[in-house]
Amino acid sequence: MIYLLMDRRILVLLLIINTLGTIYGFYWYRYQLEITPTIFIPFVPDSPTASLFFVFVLIGLLLNKNFKYMEALAMLTLFKYGTWAVVMNILTFIHGQPVSLMAMMLIVSHGAMAVQALLYSPFFKIEMRHLVVASIWTLHNDVIDYVYGHMPMYPTLSQFEEHIGYFTFWLSLLSITLVYLLVVRRTRSNQLA
């Protein structure tokens, strides 16, 4: 299976899917971006930015190159925001939002983001400095979302914003730890061998 993931046809297919998903994701955020101060715009569309990072990673893999900063940003944010969106959409169902085709599409597509991060982690060559930069980006994004009030809009869950912020902070730390355990530690071991 591991060789199948690096098949050029699979990489091109994933590149097309992630590019289209990224474009749709930015479109999905269009109303929130219209009311967002310019300085915060790079930190508001979380999931499409994560998939954009992965688009660059896929281009690198197709060119037989490792864009290590992009790998760190992609793995960390794909796992984090993929997981986050699945949990948030399930919570909307629990709090009375009807199950819709759009919500199910969001759950499947964001779940796939998290799975992509894990599946492609063996091909990444992330070092500690790359993870530090990705961690700063991600934790800074949490501050923009939950201190400055620019989290993704989920009206059904708005009364739980503090709890969601707390959950998100710990999800960020879990995601950082995961990248360290799955990739950085292996990369370090390979360099010492």
Protein backbone atom coordinates (compact mmCIF):
# COMPACT_ATOMS: atom_id res chain seq x y z
CA MET A 1 0.00 0.00 0.00
CA ILE A 2 2.83 2.40 0.83
CA TYR A 3 4.09 2.26 -2.77
CA LEU A 4 0.59 2.89 -4.10
CA LEU A 5 0.49 6.21 -2.21
CA MET A 6 3.51 7.44 -4.19
CA ASP A 7 2.16 6.30 -7.57
CA ARG A 8 2.19 9.39 -9.79
CA ARG A 9 -1.43 8.80 -10.85
CA ILE A 10 -2.53 8.77 -7.19
CA LEU A 11 -0.49 11.90 -6.46
CA VAL A 12 -1.98 13.72 -9.46
CA LEU A 13 -5.50 12.64 -8.47
CA LEU A 14 -4.91 13.88 -4.91
CA LEU A 15 -3.46 17.12 -6.28
CA ILE A 16 -6.61 17.71 -8.33
CA ILE A 17 -8.94 16.80 -5.43
CA ASN A 18 -7.06 18.95 -2.92
CA THR A 19 -6.81 21.89 -5.32
CA LEU A 20 -10.56 21.79 -5.99
CA GLY A 21 -11.26 21.32 -2.26
CA THR A 22 -9.03 24.29 -1.44
CA ILE A 23 -10.82 26.51 -3.95
CA TYR A 24 -14.22 25.42 -2.64
CA GLY A 25 -13.04 25.93 0.94
CA PHE A 26 -12.03 29.52 0.30
CA TYR A 27 -15.39 30.04 -1.44
CA TRP A 28 -17.17 28.53 1.60
CA TYR A 29 -15.44 31.12 3.82
CA ARG A 30 -16.33 34.03 1.52
CA TYR A 31 -18.93 35.61 3.83
CA GLN A 32 -16.73 35.39 6.89
CA LEU A 33 -13.76 36.78 4.95
CA GLU A 34 -15.86 39.77 3.84
CA ILE A 35 -16.24 40.88 7.47
CA THR A 36 -12.73 39.93 8.60
CA PRO A 37 -10.12 42.67 9.10
CA THR A 38 -7.38 42.31 6.49
CA ILE A 39 -4.68 41.54 9.06
CA PHE A 40 -6.56 38.39 10.19
CA ILE A 41 -7.51 37.03 6.75
CA PRO A 42 -4.60 34.53 6.45
CA PHE A 43 -5.72 32.89 9.71
CA VAL A 44 -9.47 32.62 9.15
CA PRO A 45 -9.95 29.97 6.41
CA ASP A 46 -8.39 27.14 8.44
CA SER A 47 -9.21 24.03 6.42
CA PRO A 48 -8.63 25.44 2.93
CA THR A 49 -5.29 26.83 4.08
CA ALA A 50 -4.37 23.38 5.42
CA SER A 51 -5.28 21.74 2.12
CA LEU A 52 -3.36 24.48 0.26
CA PHE A 53 -0.25 23.53 2.25
CA PHE A 54 -0.83 19.91 1.18
CA VAL A 55 -1.19 20.97 -2.47
CA PHE A 56 2.39 22.30 -2.25
CA VAL A 57 3.51 19.06 -0.57
CA LEU A 58 1.95 17.01 -3.39
CA ILE A 59 3.69 19.18 -5.99
CA GLY A 60 6.95 18.54 -4.13
CA LEU A 61 6.35 14.78 -4.07
CA LEU A 62 5.63 14.83 -7.81
CA LEU A 63 8.95 16.66 -8.30
CA ASN A 64 10.75 14.21 -5.96
CA LYS A 65 11.40 17.03 -3.50
CA ASN A 66 10.54 17.51 0.15
CA PHE A 67 9.25 20.99 0.92
CA LYS A 68 9.82 20.47 4.64
CA TYR A 69 8.13 23.61 5.98
CA MET A 70 5.08 22.86 3.86
CA GLU A 71 5.14 19.24 5.05
CA ALA A 72 5.13 20.39 8.67
CA LEU A 73 2.37 22.95 8.09
CA ALA A 74 0.32 20.47 6.05
CA MET A 75 0.58 17.52 8.39
CA LEU A 76 -0.10 19.57 11.50
CA THR A 77 -3.01 21.56 10.09
CA LEU A 78 -4.58 18.76 8.04
CA PHE A 79 -4.79 16.54 11.09
CA LYS A 80 -5.90 19.33 13.41
CA TYR A 81 -8.54 21.00 11.24
CA GLY A 82 -9.72 17.74 9.72
CA THR A 83 -10.37 16.35 13.19
CA TRP A 84 -11.76 19.66 14.48
CA ALA A 85 -14.33 19.97 11.68
CA VAL A 86 -15.53 16.38 12.10
CA VAL A 87 -16.07 16.95 15.84
CA MET A 88 -17.78 20.34 15.32
CA ASN A 89 -20.17 18.98 12.68
CA ILE A 90 -21.11 16.05 14.91
CA LEU A 91 -21.70 18.50 17.77
CA THR A 92 -24.07 20.53 15.58
CA PHE A 93 -26.17 17.37 15.12
CA ILE A 94 -26.18 16.76 18.87
CA HIS A 95 -27.38 20.34 19.42
CA GLY A 96 -30.30 20.17 17.04
CA GLN A 97 -28.92 20.92 13.58
CA PRO A 98 -30.54 18.53 11.09
CA VAL A 99 -28.25 16.05 9.37
CA SER A 100 -27.82 17.32 5.82
CA LEU A 101 -25.94 16.24 2.72
CA MET A 102 -23.66 19.29 3.10
CA ALA A 103 -22.84 18.43 6.71
CA MET A 104 -22.08 14.82 5.76
CA MET A 105 -19.87 16.04 2.90
CA LEU A 106 -17.99 18.25 5.37
CA ILE A 107 -17.48 15.34 7.76
CA VAL A 108 -16.21 13.02 5.01
CA SER A 109 -13.96 15.60 3.35
CA HIS A 110 -12.45 16.82 6.63
CA GLY A 111 -12.02 13.28 7.89
CA ALA A 112 -10.12 12.58 4.67
CA MET A 113 -7.86 15.56 5.42
CA ALA A 114 -6.82 14.04 8.74
CA VAL A 115 -6.32 10.61 7.16
CA GLN A 116 -4.15 12.10 4.36
CA ALA A 117 -1.86 13.63 6.98
CA LEU A 118 -1.35 10.25 8.62
CA LEU A 119 -1.03 8.26 5.38
CA TYR A 120 1.61 10.55 3.90
CA SER A 121 3.59 11.07 7.11
CA PRO A 122 6.10 8.28 6.24
CA PHE A 123 7.20 10.32 3.20
CA PHE A 124 7.80 13.56 5.10
CA LYS A 125 11.23 14.69 6.27
CA ILE A 126 10.19 17.21 8.88
CA GLU A 127 12.87 18.35 11.30
CA MET A 128 12.39 20.14 14.61
CA ARG A 129 12.85 23.63 13.13
CA HIS A 130 10.06 22.94 10.62
CA LEU A 131 7.75 21.72 13.36
CA VAL A 132 8.53 24.80 15.50
CA VAL A 133 7.46 27.13 12.66
CA ALA A 134 4.29 25.09 12.00
CA SER A 135 3.50 25.05 15.72
CA ILE A 136 3.87 28.83 16.00
CA TRP A 137 1.56 29.27 13.00
CA THR A 138 -1.03 26.90 14.46
CA LEU A 139 -1.02 28.26 18.01
CA HIS A 140 -1.07 31.83 16.69
CA ASN A 141 -4.10 30.82 14.61
CA ASP A 142 -5.81 29.60 17.81
CA VAL A 143 -5.25 33.03 19.36
CA ILE A 144 -6.72 34.77 16.31
CA ASP A 145 -9.74 32.45 16.41
CA TYR A 146 -10.52 32.44 20.15
CA VAL A 147 -8.98 35.63 21.56
CA TYR A 148 -9.78 37.93 18.63
CA GLY A 149 -13.03 36.14 17.77
CA HIS A 150 -12.44 34.88 14.25
CA MET A 151 -13.23 31.18 14.66
CA PRO A 152 -15.22 29.49 11.88
CA MET A 153 -18.91 30.37 12.15
CA TYR A 154 -21.07 27.63 13.61
CA PRO A 155 -24.19 29.48 14.88
CA THR A 156 -25.53 26.31 16.53
CA LEU A 157 -22.40 26.14 18.71
CA SER A 158 -21.81 29.86 19.38
CA GLN A 159 -22.73 29.58 23.09
CA PHE A 160 -19.93 27.02 23.54
CA GLU A 161 -17.12 29.16 22.09
CA GLU A 162 -14.96 29.08 25.25
CA HIS A 163 -15.25 25.29 25.47
CA ILE A 164 -14.46 24.94 21.77
CA GLY A 165 -11.42 27.18 22.21
CA TYR A 166 -10.21 25.01 25.08
CA PHE A 167 -10.75 21.84 23.03
CA THR A 168 -8.97 23.44 20.06
CA PHE A 169 -5.92 24.37 22.14
CA TRP A 170 -5.49 20.78 23.31
CA LEU A 171 -6.15 19.47 19.80
CA SER A 172 -3.31 21.73 18.60
CA LEU A 173 -0.96 20.26 21.22
CA LEU A 174 -2.04 16.72 20.30
CA SER A 175 -1.41 17.47 16.62
CA ILE A 176 2.03 18.93 17.34
CA THR A 177 2.91 15.87 19.43
CA LEU A 178 1.69 13.57 16.66
CA VAL A 179 3.91 15.25 14.05
CA TYR A 180 6.85 14.98 16.43
CA LEU A 181 6.26 11.30 17.21
CA LEU A 182 5.46 10.16 13.66
CA VAL A 183 7.93 12.24 11.66
CA VAL A 184 10.44 14.42 13.52
CA ARG A 185 11.69 11.61 15.74
CA ARG A 186 12.09 9.30 12.72
CA THR A 187 13.85 12.00 10.70
CA ARG A 188 16.24 12.62 13.59
CA SER A 189 16.95 8.88 13.93
CA ASN A 190 17.64 8.58 10.19
CA GLN A 191 20.08 11.52 10.33
CA LEU A 192 21.98 9.93 13.22
CA ALA A 193 22.15 6.51 11.56
